[in-house]
PDB file of N, CA and C in Angstrom:
ATOM      1  N   MET A   1      82.512 -33.238  25.783  1.00  0.00           N
ATOM      2  CA  MET A   1      82.278 -34.880  25.824  1.00  0.00           C
ATOM      3  C   MET A   1      81.781 -34.986  27.073  1.00  0.00           C
ATOM      4  N   SER A   2      81.162 -35.891  27.180  1.00  0.00           N
ATOM      5  CA  SER A   2      79.788 -36.291  28.180  1.00  0.00           C
ATOM      6  C   SER A   2      80.958 -36.913  29.374  1.00  0.00           C
ATOM      7  N   THR A   3      80.341 -36.846  30.806  1.00  0.00           N
ATOM      8  CA  THR A   3      81.313 -37.198  31.880  1.00  0.00           C
ATOM      9  C   THR A   3      81.633 -38.816  31.992  1.00  0.00           C
ATOM     10  N   ASP A   4      80.327 -39.476  31.293  1.00  0.00           N
ATOM     11  CA  ASP A   4      80.172 -40.784  31.077  1.00  0.00           C
ATOM     12  C   ASP A   4      81.108 -41.578  30.376  1.00  0.00           C
ATOM     13  N   ALA A   5      81.865 -40.921  29.253  1.00  0.00           N
ATOM     14  CA  ALA A   5      82.912 -41.279  28.167  1.00  0.00           C
ATOM     15  C   ALA A   5      84.003 -40.920  29.106  1.00  0.00           C
ATOM     16  N   ILE A   6      84.303 -40.224  30.099  1.00  0.00           N
ATOM     17  CA  ILE A   6      85.724 -39.988  30.582  1.00  0.00           C
ATOM     18  C   ILE A   6      86.085 -41.060  31.497  1.00  0.00           C
ATOM     19  N   SER A   7      84.871 -41.067  32.129  1.00  0.00           N
ATOM     20  CA  SER A   7      84.543 -42.057  33.417  1.00  0.00           C
ATOM     21  C   SER A   7      84.973 -43.607  32.901  1.00  0.00           C
ATOM     22  N   SER A   8      84.558 -44.032  31.441  1.00  0.00           N
ATOM     23  CA  SER A   8      84.398 -44.902  31.164  1.00  0.00           C
ATOM     24  C   SER A   8      85.562 -45.278  30.291  1.00  0.00           C
ATOM     25  N   ALA A   9      86.390 -44.485  30.068  1.00  0.00           N
ATOM     26  CA  ALA A   9      87.981 -44.455  29.606  1.00  0.00           C
ATOM     27  C   ALA A   9      88.952 -45.063  30.640  1.00  0.00           C
ATOM     28  N   PRO A  10      89.888 -45.567  29.994  1.00  0.00           N
ATOM     29  CA  PRO A  10      91.113 -46.282  30.828  1.00  0.00           C
ATOM     30  C   PRO A  10      91.617 -44.861  31.695  1.00  0.00           C
ATOM     31  N   PRO A  11      91.956 -45.215  33.082  1.00  0.00           N
ATOM     32  CA  PRO A  11      92.603 -44.005  33.861  1.00  0.00           C
ATOM     33  C   PRO A  11      93.528 -43.330  33.250  1.00  0.00           C
ATOM     34  N   GLU A  12      94.677 -43.759  32.573  1.00  0.00           N
ATOM     35  CA  GLU A  12      95.479 -43.150  31.973  1.00  0.00           C
ATOM     36  C   GLU A  12      94.878 -42.006  30.782  1.00  0.00           C
ATOM     37  N   TRP A  13      93.719 -42.472  30.074  1.00  0.00           N
ATOM     38  CA  TRP A  13      93.471 -41.271  29.351  1.00  0.00           C
ATOM     39  C   TRP A  13      92.258 -40.304  29.703  1.00  0.00           C
ATOM     40  N   ALA A  14      91.684 -40.604  31.311  1.00  0.00           N
ATOM     41  CA  ALA A  14      91.000 -40.048  31.976  1.00  0.00           C
ATOM     42  C   ALA A  14      91.229 -38.207  31.808  1.00  0.00           C
ATOM     43  N   TRP A  15      92.501 -38.001  32.559  1.00  0.00           N
ATOM     44  CA  TRP A  15      93.066 -36.951  32.164  1.00  0.00           C
ATOM     45  C   TRP A  15      93.286 -36.011  31.021  1.00  0.00           C
ATOM     46  N   PHE A  16      93.664 -36.982  29.756  1.00  0.00           N
ATOM     47  CA  PHE A  16      93.854 -36.278  28.822  1.00  0.00           C
ATOM     48  C   PHE A  16      92.382 -36.009  28.406  1.00  0.00           C
ATOM     49  N   LEU A  17      91.174 -36.709  28.445  1.00  0.00           N
ATOM     50  CA  LEU A  17      90.077 -36.625  27.859  1.00  0.00           C
ATOM     51  C   LEU A  17      89.495 -35.478  28.362  1.00  0.00           C
ATOM     52  N   GLN A  18      90.111 -35.196  29.886  1.00  0.00           N
ATOM     53  CA  GLN A  18      88.830 -34.081  30.594  1.00  0.00           C
ATOM     54  C   GLN A  18      89.673 -32.841  29.984  1.00  0.00           C
ATOM     55  N   ALA A  19      91.107 -32.797  29.607  1.00  0.00           N
ATOM     56  CA  ALA A  19      91.732 -31.905  29.249  1.00  0.00           C
ATOM     57  C   ALA A  19      91.156 -31.489  27.892  1.00  0.00           C
ATOM     58  N   LEU A  20      90.816 -32.380  27.119  1.00  0.00           N
ATOM     59  CA  LEU A  20      90.505 -31.951  26.003  1.00  0.00           C
ATOM     60  C   LEU A  20      89.163 -31.768  26.031  1.00  0.00           C
ATOM     61  N   ASP A  21      88.387 -31.828  26.807  1.00  0.00           N
ATOM     62  CA  ASP A  21      86.737 -31.288  27.136  1.00  0.00           C
ATOM     63  C   ASP A  21      87.281 -30.156  27.734  1.00  0.00           C
ATOM     64  N   GLN A  22      87.746 -29.781  28.375  1.00  0.00           N
ATOM     65  CA  GLN A  22      87.775 -28.699  28.797  1.00  0.00           C
ATOM     66  C   GLN A  22      88.343 -27.620  27.444  1.00  0.00           C
ATOM     67  N   LYS A  23      89.244 -28.028  26.872  1.00  0.00           N
ATOM     68  CA  LYS A  23      89.929 -27.507  25.392  1.00  0.00           C
ATOM     69  C   LYS A  23      88.704 -26.980  24.761  1.00  0.00           C
ATOM     70  N   LEU A  24      87.947 -28.033  24.231  1.00  0.00           N
ATOM     71  CA  LEU A  24      86.450 -28.014  23.482  1.00  0.00           C
ATOM     72  C   LEU A  24      85.828 -27.133  24.204  1.00  0.00           C
ATOM     73  N   GLU A  25      85.225 -27.322  25.413  1.00  0.00           N
ATOM     74  CA  GLU A  25      84.520 -25.872  25.939  1.00  0.00           C
ATOM     75  C   GLU A  25      84.890 -24.695  25.478  1.00  0.00           C
ATOM     76  N   GLN A  26      86.145 -24.298  26.199  1.00  0.00           N
ATOM     77  CA  GLN A  26      86.851 -23.016  25.786  1.00  0.00           C
ATOM     78  C   GLN A  26      86.798 -22.464  24.262  1.00  0.00           C
ATOM     79  N   VAL A  27      86.926 -23.691  23.157  1.00  0.00           N
ATOM     80  CA  VAL A  27      86.795 -22.964  21.615  1.00  0.00           C
ATOM     81  C   VAL A  27      85.071 -22.889  21.643  1.00  0.00           C
ATOM     82  N   ARG A  28      84.400 -23.841  22.467  1.00  0.00           N
ATOM     83  CA  ARG A  28      83.205 -23.261  21.859  1.00  0.00           C
ATOM     84  C   ARG A  28      82.191 -21.970  22.793  1.00  0.00           C
ATOM     85  N   GLU A  29      82.796 -21.604  23.889  1.00  0.00           N
ATOM     86  CA  GLU A  29      82.875 -20.594  24.455  1.00  0.00           C
ATOM     87  C   GLU A  29      83.428 -19.060  23.430  1.00  0.00           C
ATOM     88  N   LYS A  30      84.453 -19.876  22.830  1.00  0.00           N
ATOM     89  CA  LYS A  30      85.215 -18.448  22.261  1.00  0.00           C
ATOM     90  C   LYS A  30      84.430 -18.226  20.906  1.00  0.00           C
ATOM     91  N   THR A  31      84.150 -19.523  20.318  1.00  0.00           N
ATOM     92  CA  THR A  31      83.315 -19.476  19.248  1.00  0.00           C
ATOM     93  C   THR A  31      81.861 -18.621  18.984  1.00  0.00           C
ATOM     94  N   ASP A  32      81.495 -18.660  20.661  1.00  0.00           N
ATOM     95  CA  ASP A  32      79.873 -18.265  20.383  1.00  0.00           C
ATOM     96  C   ASP A  32      80.197 -17.032  20.791  1.00  0.00           C
ATOM     97  N   THR A  33      81.484 -16.462  21.626  1.00  0.00           N
ATOM     98  CA  THR A  33      81.850 -14.918  21.644  1.00  0.00           C
ATOM     99  C   THR A  33      81.971 -14.225  20.447  1.00  0.00           C
ATOM    100  N   VAL A  34      83.119 -15.158  19.735  1.00  0.00           N
ATOM    101  CA  VAL A  34      82.998 -14.652  18.037  1.00  0.00           C
ATOM    102  C   VAL A  34      81.772 -14.423  17.213  1.00  0.00           C
ATOM    103  N   LEU A  35      81.096 -15.145  17.175  1.00  0.00           N
ATOM    104  CA  LEU A  35      79.602 -15.058  16.465  1.00  0.00           C
ATOM    105  C   LEU A  35      78.701 -14.095  17.094  1.00  0.00           C
ATOM    106  N   GLU A  36      78.816 -13.871  18.357  1.00  0.00           N
ATOM    107  CA  GLU A  36      77.839 -12.905  18.843  1.00  0.00           C
ATOM    108  C   GLU A  36      78.656 -11.584  18.604  1.00  0.00           C
ATOM    109  N   ARG A  37      79.706 -11.271  18.587  1.00  0.00           N
ATOM    110  CA  ARG A  37      80.165 -10.424  18.157  1.00  0.00           C
ATOM    111  C   ARG A  37      79.885 -10.163  16.537  1.00  0.00           C
ATOM    112  N   PHE A  38      80.266 -10.929  15.510  1.00  0.00           N
ATOM    113  CA  PHE A  38      79.924 -11.008  14.335  1.00  0.00           C
ATOM    114  C   PHE A  38      78.841 -10.709  13.897  1.00  0.00           C
ATOM    115  N   ARG A  39      77.533 -11.109  15.061  1.00  0.00           N
ATOM    116  CA  ARG A  39      76.240 -10.794  14.639  1.00  0.00           C
ATOM    117  C   ARG A  39      76.034  -9.162  15.178  1.00  0.00           C
ATOM    118  N   GLU A  40      76.389  -8.541  16.154  1.00  0.00           N
ATOM    119  CA  GLU A  40      76.715  -7.594  16.302  1.00  0.00           C
ATOM    120  C   GLU A  40      77.044  -6.649  15.657  1.00  0.00           C
ATOM    121  N   LEU A  41      78.177  -6.936  14.806  1.00  0.00           N
ATOM    122  CA  LEU A  41      78.695  -6.120  14.036  1.00  0.00           C
ATOM    123  C   LEU A  41      78.198  -6.460  12.722  1.00  0.00           C
ATOM    124  N   GLU A  42      77.369  -7.301  12.421  1.00  0.00           N
ATOM    125  CA  GLU A  42      76.625  -7.513  11.104  1.00  0.00           C
ATOM    126  C   GLU A  42      75.510  -6.681  11.367  1.00  0.00           C
ATOM    127  N   SER A  43      74.650  -6.386  12.386  1.00  0.00           N
ATOM    128  CA  SER A  43      73.817  -5.926  12.724  1.00  0.00           C
ATOM    129  C   SER A  43      73.909  -4.454  12.591  1.00  0.00           C
ATOM    130  N   HIS A  44      75.329  -3.654  13.092  1.00  0.00           N
ATOM    131  CA  HIS A  44      75.869  -2.517  12.994  1.00  0.00           C
ATOM    132  C   HIS A  44      75.717  -2.149  11.550  1.00  0.00           C
ATOM    133  N   PHE A  45      76.583  -3.011  10.412  1.00  0.00           N
ATOM    134  CA  PHE A  45      76.715  -2.566   9.411  1.00  0.00           C
ATOM    135  C   PHE A  45      75.189  -2.552   8.687  1.00  0.00           C
ATOM    136  N   ASP A  46      74.451  -3.138   8.942  1.00  0.00           N
ATOM    137  CA  ASP A  46      73.031  -3.280   8.472  1.00  0.00           C
ATOM    138  C   ASP A  46      72.228  -1.930   8.482  1.00  0.00           C
ATOM    139  N   GLN A  47      72.734  -1.574  10.204  1.00  0.00           N
ATOM    140  CA  GLN A  47      71.878  -0.236  10.526  1.00  0.00           C
ATOM    141  C   GLN A  47      72.578   0.840   9.794  1.00  0.00           C
ATOM    142  N   LEU A  48      74.578   0.706   9.646  1.00  0.00           N
ATOM    143  CA  LEU A  48      75.098   2.063   8.695  1.00  0.00           C
ATOM    144  C   LEU A  48      74.827   1.749   7.286  1.00  0.00           C
ATOM    145  N   ASP A  49      74.507   0.657   6.662  1.00  0.00           N
ATOM    146  CA  ASP A  49      74.379   0.842   5.058  1.00  0.00           C
ATOM    147  C   ASP A  49      73.029   1.070   5.135  1.00  0.00           C
ATOM    148  N   HIS A  50      71.799   0.837   6.338  1.00  0.00           N
ATOM    149  CA  HIS A  50      70.270   1.453   6.004  1.00  0.00           C
ATOM    150  C   HIS A  50      70.669   3.066   6.313  1.00  0.00           C
ATOM    151  N   ASP A  51      71.289   3.684   7.152  1.00  0.00           N
ATOM    152  CA  ASP A  51      71.286   4.784   6.894  1.00  0.00           C
ATOM    153  C   ASP A  51      72.144   5.796   5.768  1.00  0.00           C
ATOM    154  N   PHE A  52      73.178   5.065   5.162  1.00  0.00           N
ATOM    155  CA  PHE A  52      73.655   5.636   4.048  1.00  0.00           C
ATOM    156  C   PHE A  52      72.715   5.518   2.909  1.00  0.00           C
ATOM    157  N   GLN A  53      71.933   4.409   2.869  1.00  0.00           N
ATOM    158  CA  GLN A  53      70.925   4.195   1.569  1.00  0.00           C
ATOM    159  C   GLN A  53      70.454   5.254   1.549  1.00  0.00           C
ATOM    160  N   SER A  54      69.646   5.672   3.032  1.00  0.00           N
ATOM    161  CA  SER A  54      68.706   6.972   3.000  1.00  0.00           C
ATOM    162  C   SER A  54      69.294   8.171   2.871  1.00  0.00           C
ATOM    163  N   SER A  55      70.771   8.415   3.477  1.00  0.00           N
ATOM    164  CA  SER A  55      71.381   9.461   2.967  1.00  0.00           C
ATOM    165  C   SER A  55      71.338   9.790   1.700  1.00  0.00           C
ATOM    166  N   ILE A  56      71.791   8.710   0.935  1.00  0.00           N
ATOM    167  CA  ILE A  56      72.168   9.114  -0.486  1.00  0.00           C
ATOM    168  C   ILE A  56      70.342   9.135  -1.080  1.00  0.00           C
ATOM    169  N   HIS A  57      69.342   8.882  -0.804  1.00  0.00           N
ATOM    170  CA  HIS A  57      68.555   8.742  -1.406  1.00  0.00           C
ATOM    171  C   HIS A  57      67.960  10.195  -1.100  1.00  0.00           C
ATOM    172  N   ASP A  58      67.975  10.636   0.003  1.00  0.00           N
ATOM    173  CA  ASP A  58      67.798  12.320   0.342  1.00  0.00           C
ATOM    174  C   ASP A  58      68.642  12.927  -0.037  1.00  0.00           C
ATOM    175  N   GLN A  59      70.023  12.938  -0.373  1.00  0.00           N
ATOM    176  CA  GLN A  59      70.612  13.821  -1.344  1.00  0.00           C
ATOM    177  C   GLN A  59      69.967  13.853  -2.578  1.00  0.00           C
ATOM    178  N   LYS A  60      69.851  12.482  -3.139  1.00  0.00           N
ATOM    179  CA  LYS A  60      69.194  12.855  -4.653  1.00  0.00           C
ATOM    180  C   LYS A  60      67.892  13.395  -4.763  1.00  0.00           C
ATOM    181  N   MET A  61      67.023  13.189  -3.793  1.00  0.00           N
ATOM    182  CA  MET A  61      66.141  13.932  -3.621  1.00  0.00           C
ATOM    183  C   MET A  61      66.282  15.630  -3.774  1.00  0.00           C
ATOM    184  N   ASP A  62      67.287  15.793  -2.945  1.00  0.00           N
ATOM    185  CA  ASP A  62      67.605  17.091  -2.960  1.00  0.00           C
ATOM    186  C   ASP A  62      68.173  17.845  -3.990  1.00  0.00           C
ATOM    187  N   LEU A  63      68.844  16.991  -4.525  1.00  0.00           N
ATOM    188  CA  LEU A  63      69.881  17.305  -6.030  1.00  0.00           C
ATOM    189  C   LEU A  63      68.748  17.535  -6.925  1.00  0.00           C
ATOM    190  N   LYS A  64      67.758  16.843  -6.973  1.00  0.00           N
ATOM    191  CA  LYS A  64      66.546  16.780  -8.100  1.00  0.00           C
ATOM    192  C   LYS A  64      65.733  18.066  -8.013  1.00  0.00           C
ATOM    193  N   GLU A  65      65.527  18.328  -6.514  1.00  0.00           N
ATOM    194  CA  GLU A  65      64.626  19.162  -6.230  1.00  0.00           C
ATOM    195  C   GLU A  65      65.473  20.647  -6.485  1.00  0.00           C
ATOM    196  N   LEU A  66      66.671  20.880  -6.382  1.00  0.00           N
ATOM    197  CA  LEU A  66      67.552  21.753  -6.601  1.00  0.00           C
ATOM    198  C   LEU A  66      67.848  21.920  -8.376  1.00  0.00           C
ATOM    199  N   SER A  67      67.673  20.861  -9.120  1.00  0.00           N
ATOM    200  CA  SER A  67      67.840  21.029 -10.206  1.00  0.00           C
ATOM    201  C   SER A  67      66.684  21.391 -10.835  1.00  0.00           C
ATOM    202  N   GLN A  68      65.611  21.040 -10.636  1.00  0.00           N
ATOM    203  CA  GLN A  68      64.207  21.573 -10.905  1.00  0.00           C
ATOM    204  C   GLN A  68      63.726  22.906 -10.663  1.00  0.00           C
ATOM    205  N   SER A  69      64.165  23.710  -9.406  1.00  0.00           N
ATOM    206  CA  SER A  69      64.414  24.940  -8.957  1.00  0.00           C
ATOM    207  C   SER A  69      65.646  25.394 -10.252  1.00  0.00           C
ATOM    208  N   LEU A  70      66.325  25.100 -10.204  1.00  0.00           N
ATOM    209  CA  LEU A  70      67.345  25.517 -11.150  1.00  0.00           C
ATOM    210  C   LEU A  70      67.197  25.904 -12.972  1.00  0.00           C
ATOM    211  N   GLN A  71      65.868  24.640 -13.066  1.00  0.00           N
ATOM    212  CA  GLN A  71      65.299  24.802 -14.655  1.00  0.00           C
ATOM    213  C   GLN A  71      64.214  25.865 -14.441  1.00  0.00           C
ATOM    214  N   TYR A  72      63.347  26.192 -13.395  1.00  0.00           N
ATOM    215  CA  TYR A  72      62.414  26.755 -13.662  1.00  0.00           C
ATOM    216  C   TYR A  72      63.347  28.298 -13.036  1.00  0.00           C
ATOM    217  N   LEU A  73      64.286  28.814 -12.385  1.00  0.00           N
ATOM    218  CA  LEU A  73      64.780  29.920 -12.406  1.00  0.00           C
ATOM    219  C   LEU A  73      65.533  30.526 -13.608  1.00  0.00           C
ATOM    220  N   SER A  74      65.982  29.283 -14.685  1.00  0.00           N
ATOM    221  CA  SER A  74      66.476  29.720 -15.875  1.00  0.00           C
ATOM    222  C   SER A  74      65.426  29.998 -16.617  1.00  0.00           C
ATOM    223  N   HIS A  75      64.347  29.261 -17.170  1.00  0.00           N
ATOM    224  CA  HIS A  75      63.505  29.309 -17.742  1.00  0.00           C
ATOM    225  C   HIS A  75      62.887  31.067 -17.354  1.00  0.00           C
ATOM    226  N   LYS A  76      62.853  31.198 -15.901  1.00  0.00           N
ATOM    227  CA  LYS A  76      62.077  32.433 -15.453  1.00  0.00           C
ATOM    228  C   LYS A  76      63.017  33.609 -15.928  1.00  0.00           C
ATOM    229  N   THR A  77      64.387  33.506 -15.631  1.00  0.00           N
ATOM    230  CA  THR A  77      65.485  34.673 -16.087  1.00  0.00           C
ATOM    231  C   THR A  77      65.347  34.754 -17.619  1.00  0.00           C
ATOM    232  N   GLN A  78      65.475  33.487 -18.611  1.00  0.00           N
ATOM    233  CA  GLN A  78      64.998  33.733 -19.856  1.00  0.00           C
ATOM    234  C   GLN A  78      63.984  34.906 -20.400  1.00  0.00           C
ATOM    235  N   LEU A  79      62.754  34.362 -19.427  1.00  0.00           N
ATOM    236  CA  LEU A  79      61.530  35.050 -19.621  1.00  0.00           C
ATOM    237  C   LEU A  79      61.580  36.367 -19.543  1.00  0.00           C
ATOM    238  N   GLN A  80      62.188  36.927 -18.134  1.00  0.00           N
ATOM    239  CA  GLN A  80      62.489  38.108 -17.828  1.00  0.00           C
ATOM    240  C   GLN A  80      63.307  38.632 -19.029  1.00  0.00           C
ATOM    241  N   LEU A  81      64.550  38.179 -19.240  1.00  0.00           N
ATOM    242  CA  LEU A  81      65.416  39.058 -20.524  1.00  0.00           C
ATOM    243  C   LEU A  81      64.822  39.108 -21.802  1.00  0.00           C
ATOM    244  N   LYS A  82      63.693  38.615 -21.954  1.00  0.00           N
ATOM    245  CA  LYS A  82      63.323  38.560 -23.257  1.00  0.00           C
ATOM    246  C   LYS A  82      62.029  39.549 -22.855  1.00  0.00           C
ATOM    247  N   ASP A  83      61.333  39.768 -22.084  1.00  0.00           N
ATOM    248  CA  ASP A  83      60.757  40.838 -21.462  1.00  0.00           C
ATOM    249  C   ASP A  83      61.354  42.499 -21.559  1.00  0.00           C
ATOM    250  N   THR A  84      62.803  42.410 -20.650  1.00  0.00           N
ATOM    251  CA  THR A  84      63.445  43.799 -20.647  1.00  0.00           C
ATOM    252  C   THR A  84      63.795  44.191 -22.039  1.00  0.00           C
ATOM    253  N   ASP A  85      64.228  42.893 -22.959  1.00  0.00           N
ATOM    254  CA  ASP A  85      64.726  43.682 -24.510  1.00  0.00           C
ATOM    255  C   ASP A  85      63.560  44.075 -25.021  1.00  0.00           C
ATOM    256  N   ASN A  86      62.306  43.357 -24.935  1.00  0.00           N
ATOM    257  CA  ASN A  86      61.040  43.950 -25.869  1.00  0.00           C
ATOM    258  C   ASN A  86      61.059  45.286 -25.135  1.00  0.00           C
ATOM    259  N   SER A  87      61.000  45.889 -23.638  1.00  0.00           N
ATOM    260  CA  SER A  87      60.852  46.968 -22.981  1.00  0.00           C
ATOM    261  C   SER A  87      61.673  47.995 -23.551  1.00  0.00           C
ATOM    262  N   ASN A  88      62.794  47.765 -23.652  1.00  0.00           N
ATOM    263  CA  ASN A  88      63.685  48.352 -23.941  1.00  0.00           C
ATOM    264  C   ASN A  88      63.655  48.781 -25.622  1.00  0.00           C
ATOM    265  N   ALA A  89      63.505  47.791 -26.330  1.00  0.00           N
ATOM    266  CA  ALA A  89      63.090  48.146 -27.553  1.00  0.00           C
ATOM    267  C   ALA A  89      62.111  48.961 -27.852  1.00  0.00           C
ATOM    268  N   GLN A  90      60.932  48.557 -27.266  1.00  0.00           N
ATOM    269  CA  GLN A  90      59.649  49.791 -27.027  1.00  0.00           C
ATOM    270  C   GLN A  90      60.147  51.113 -26.447  1.00  0.00           C
ATOM    271  N   PHE A  91      61.034  51.151 -25.901  1.00  0.00           N
ATOM    272  CA  PHE A  91      61.748  52.285 -25.087  1.00  0.00           C
ATOM    273  C   PHE A  91      62.019  53.104 -26.189  1.00  0.00           C
ATOM    274  N   LYS A  92      62.764  52.665 -26.970  1.00  0.00           N
ATOM    275  CA  LYS A  92      64.182  52.992 -27.767  1.00  0.00           C
ATOM    276  C   LYS A  92      63.186  53.486 -28.952  1.00  0.00           C
ATOM    277  N   HIS A  93      61.835  52.660 -29.865  1.00  0.00           N
ATOM    278  CA  HIS A  93      61.480  53.073 -30.853  1.00  0.00           C
ATOM    279  C   HIS A  93      60.359  54.464 -30.174  1.00  0.00           C
ATOM    280  N   ASP A  94      59.688  54.595 -29.025  1.00  0.00           N
ATOM    281  CA  ASP A  94      59.142  55.468 -28.470  1.00  0.00           C
ATOM    282  C   ASP A  94      60.187  56.983 -28.630  1.00  0.00           C
ATOM    283  N   THR A  95      61.192  56.584 -27.866  1.00  0.00           N
ATOM    284  CA  THR A  95      62.384  57.800 -27.719  1.00  0.00           C
ATOM    285  C   THR A  95      62.615  58.203 -29.585  1.00  0.00           C
ATOM    286  N   ASP A  96      62.831  56.993 -29.772  1.00  0.00           N
ATOM    287  CA  ASP A  96      63.065  57.681 -31.432  1.00  0.00           C
ATOM    288  C   ASP A  96      62.000  58.131 -31.968  1.00  0.00           C
ATOM    289  N   LYS A  97      60.655  57.861 -31.987  1.00  0.00           N
ATOM    290  CA  LYS A  97      59.656  58.772 -32.413  1.00  0.00           C
ATOM    291  C   LYS A  97      59.161  60.188 -31.720  1.00  0.00           C
ATOM    292  N   ARG A  98      59.875  60.192 -30.305  1.00  0.00           N
ATOM    293  CA  ARG A  98      59.797  61.527 -29.630  1.00  0.00           C
ATOM    294  C   ARG A  98      60.646  62.582 -30.123  1.00  0.00           C
ATOM    295  N   VAL A  99      61.846  61.878 -30.344  1.00  0.00           N
ATOM    296  CA  VAL A  99      63.200  62.586 -30.780  1.00  0.00           C
ATOM    297  C   VAL A  99      62.545  63.214 -32.606  1.00  0.00           C
ATOM    298  N   SER A 100      62.275  62.357 -33.059  1.00  0.00           N
ATOM    299  CA  SER A 100      61.914  62.758 -34.647  1.00  0.00           C
ATOM    300  C   SER A 100      61.246  63.522 -34.600  1.00  0.00           C
ATOM    301  N   ASP A 101      59.734  63.529 -33.696  1.00  0.00           N
ATOM    302  CA  ASP A 101      58.682  64.255 -33.598  1.00  0.00           C
ATOM    303  C   ASP A 101      59.105  66.018 -33.341  1.00  0.00           C
ATOM    304  N   ILE A 102      60.048  65.923 -32.350  1.00  0.00           N
ATOM    305  CA  ILE A 102      60.518  67.174 -31.576  1.00  0.00           C
ATOM    306  C   ILE A 102      61.542  67.613 -32.961  1.00  0.00           C
ATOM    307  N   HIS A 103      62.128  67.053 -33.168  1.00  0.00           N
ATOM    308  CA  HIS A 103      63.325  67.497 -34.722  1.00  0.00           C
ATOM    309  C   HIS A 103      62.277  68.356 -35.722  1.00  0.00           C
ATOM    310  N   PHE A 104      61.213  67.516 -36.049  1.00  0.00           N
ATOM    311  CA  PHE A 104      60.205  68.135 -36.768  1.00  0.00           C
ATOM    312  C   PHE A 104      59.362  69.018 -36.296  1.00  0.00           C
ATOM    313  N   ALA A 105      59.159  69.525 -35.515  1.00  0.00           N
ATOM    314  CA  ALA A 105      58.352  70.358 -34.663  1.00  0.00           C
ATOM    315  C   ALA A 105      59.484  71.825 -34.664  1.00  0.00           C
ATOM    316  N   THR A 106      60.390  71.104 -34.397  1.00  0.00           N
ATOM    317  CA  THR A 106      61.546  72.500 -33.956  1.00  0.00           C
ATOM    318  C   THR A 106      62.028  72.945 -35.717  1.00  0.00           C
ATOM    319  N   ARG A 107      62.127  72.143 -36.492  1.00  0.00           N
ATOM    320  CA  ARG A 107      62.402  72.638 -38.007  1.00  0.00           C
ATOM    321  C   ARG A 107      61.146  73.591 -38.184  1.00  0.00           C
ATOM    322  N   GLU A 108      59.703  72.836 -38.272  1.00  0.00           N
ATOM    323  CA  GLU A 108      58.779  73.487 -38.744  1.00  0.00           C
ATOM    324  C   GLU A 108      58.863  75.069 -37.633  1.00  0.00           C
ATOM    325  N   GLU A 109      59.241  75.106 -36.756  1.00  0.00           N
ATOM    326  CA  GLU A 109      59.252  76.679 -35.709  1.00  0.00           C
ATOM    327  C   GLU A 109      60.075  77.295 -36.483  1.00  0.00           C
ATOM    328  N   LEU A 110      61.275  76.590 -36.859  1.00  0.00           N
ATOM    329  CA  LEU A 110      62.454  77.126 -37.126  1.00  0.00           C
ATOM    330  C   LEU A 110      62.287  77.866 -38.631  1.00  0.00           C
ATOM    331  N   SER A 111      61.455  77.222 -39.363  1.00  0.00           N
ATOM    332  CA  SER A 111      61.218  77.720 -40.522  1.00  0.00           C
ATOM    333  C   SER A 111      60.030  78.814 -40.561  1.00  0.00           C
ATOM    334  N   ALA A 112      59.119  78.613 -39.343  1.00  0.00           N
ATOM    335  CA  ALA A 112      58.261  79.597 -39.432  1.00  0.00           C
ATOM    336  C   ALA A 112      58.826  80.893 -38.790  1.00  0.00           C
ATOM    337  N   ILE A 113      59.673  80.820 -37.737  1.00  0.00           N
ATOM    338  CA  ILE A 113      60.784  81.536 -37.357  1.00  0.00           C
ATOM    339  C   ILE A 113      61.606  82.813 -38.737  1.00  0.00           C
ATOM    340  N   ALA A 114      62.130  81.938 -39.263  1.00  0.00           N
ATOM    341  CA  ALA A 114      62.763  82.384 -40.472  1.00  0.00           C
ATOM    342  C   ALA A 114      61.721  83.421 -41.560  1.00  0.00           C
ATOM    343  N   ARG A 115      60.615  82.252 -41.753  1.00  0.00           N
ATOM    344  CA  ARG A 115      59.594  83.371 -42.541  1.00  0.00           C
ATOM    345  C   ARG A 115      59.341  84.663 -42.052  1.00  0.00           C
ATOM    346  N   ARG A 116      59.343  84.796 -40.941  1.00  0.00           N
ATOM    347  CA  ARG A 116      58.571  86.006 -39.969  1.00  0.00           C
ATOM    348  C   ARG A 116      60.101  86.998 -40.500  1.00  0.00           C
ATOM    349  N   LEU A 117      61.187  86.147 -40.021  1.00  0.00           N
ATOM    350  CA  LEU A 117      62.528  87.077 -39.850  1.00  0.00           C
ATOM    351  C   LEU A 117      62.370  87.986 -41.188  1.00  0.00           C
ATOM    352  N   GLU A 118      62.006  86.865 -42.248  1.00  0.00           N
ATOM    353  CA  GLU A 118      62.436  87.611 -44.108  1.00  0.00           C
ATOM    354  C   GLU A 118      61.462  88.520 -43.859  1.00  0.00           C
ATOM    355  N   ILE A 119      60.164  88.473 -43.671  1.00  0.00           N
ATOM    356  CA  ILE A 119      58.883  89.388 -43.530  1.00  0.00           C
ATOM    357  C   ILE A 119      59.677  90.630 -43.342  1.00  0.00           C
ATOM    358  N   LEU A 120      60.142  90.778 -41.728  1.00  0.00           N
ATOM    359  CA  LEU A 120      60.516  91.660 -40.865  1.00  0.00           C
ATOM    360  C   LEU A 120      61.584  92.400 -41.559  1.00  0.00           C
ATOM    361  N   GLU A 121      62.314  91.595 -42.348  1.00  0.00           N
ATOM    362  CA  GLU A 121      63.674  92.268 -43.009  1.00  0.00           C
ATOM    363  C   GLU A 121      63.038  93.260 -44.312  1.00  0.00           C
ATOM    364  N   LYS A 122      62.176  92.348 -44.628  1.00  0.00           N
ATOM    365  CA  LYS A 122      61.491  93.324 -45.698  1.00  0.00           C
ATOM    366  C   LYS A 122      61.291  94.491 -45.326  1.00  0.00           C
ATOM    367  N   LEU A 123      60.075  94.359 -43.858  1.00  0.00           N
ATOM    368  CA  LEU A 123      59.670  95.641 -43.887  1.00  0.00           C
ATOM    369  C   LEU A 123      60.558  96.627 -43.319  1.00  0.00           C
ATOM    370  N   LEU A 124      61.542  96.172 -42.980  1.00  0.00           N
ATOM    371  CA  LEU A 124      62.386  97.169 -42.521  1.00  0.00           C
ATOM    372  C   LEU A 124      63.343  97.849 -43.510  1.00  0.00           C
ATOM    373  N   LEU A 125      63.682  97.072 -44.566  1.00  0.00           N
ATOM    374  CA  LEU A 125      64.524  97.676 -45.714  1.00  0.00           C
ATOM    375  C   LEU A 125      63.742  98.284 -46.559  1.00  0.00           C
TER     376      LEU A 125
END
């Protein structure tokens, strides 16, 4: 309230209007303080929200990268397992062939020794 309004009011109201003016000024100051605090908190909240969104984005990117790495490693592991299976199968095939060759050669050698023994027995008897 302006001082002109207080001074032009009847004297019995002057003290009341002055007290009302002081209360009004206190309410304005309190409102300004509350608004200032609200704006600070709002700004702080906006910063927190921005940081949170940024963190979520970074974590999503990390998860995406980890997922891609996992898919790559899974694919590479499958290829290595297939290669190992193929190597094992080839090794088994080669080993079976060698065993078969050795078995055949041993039979041939034993057969030749048996023939020689028969000849020796005949010669000795």
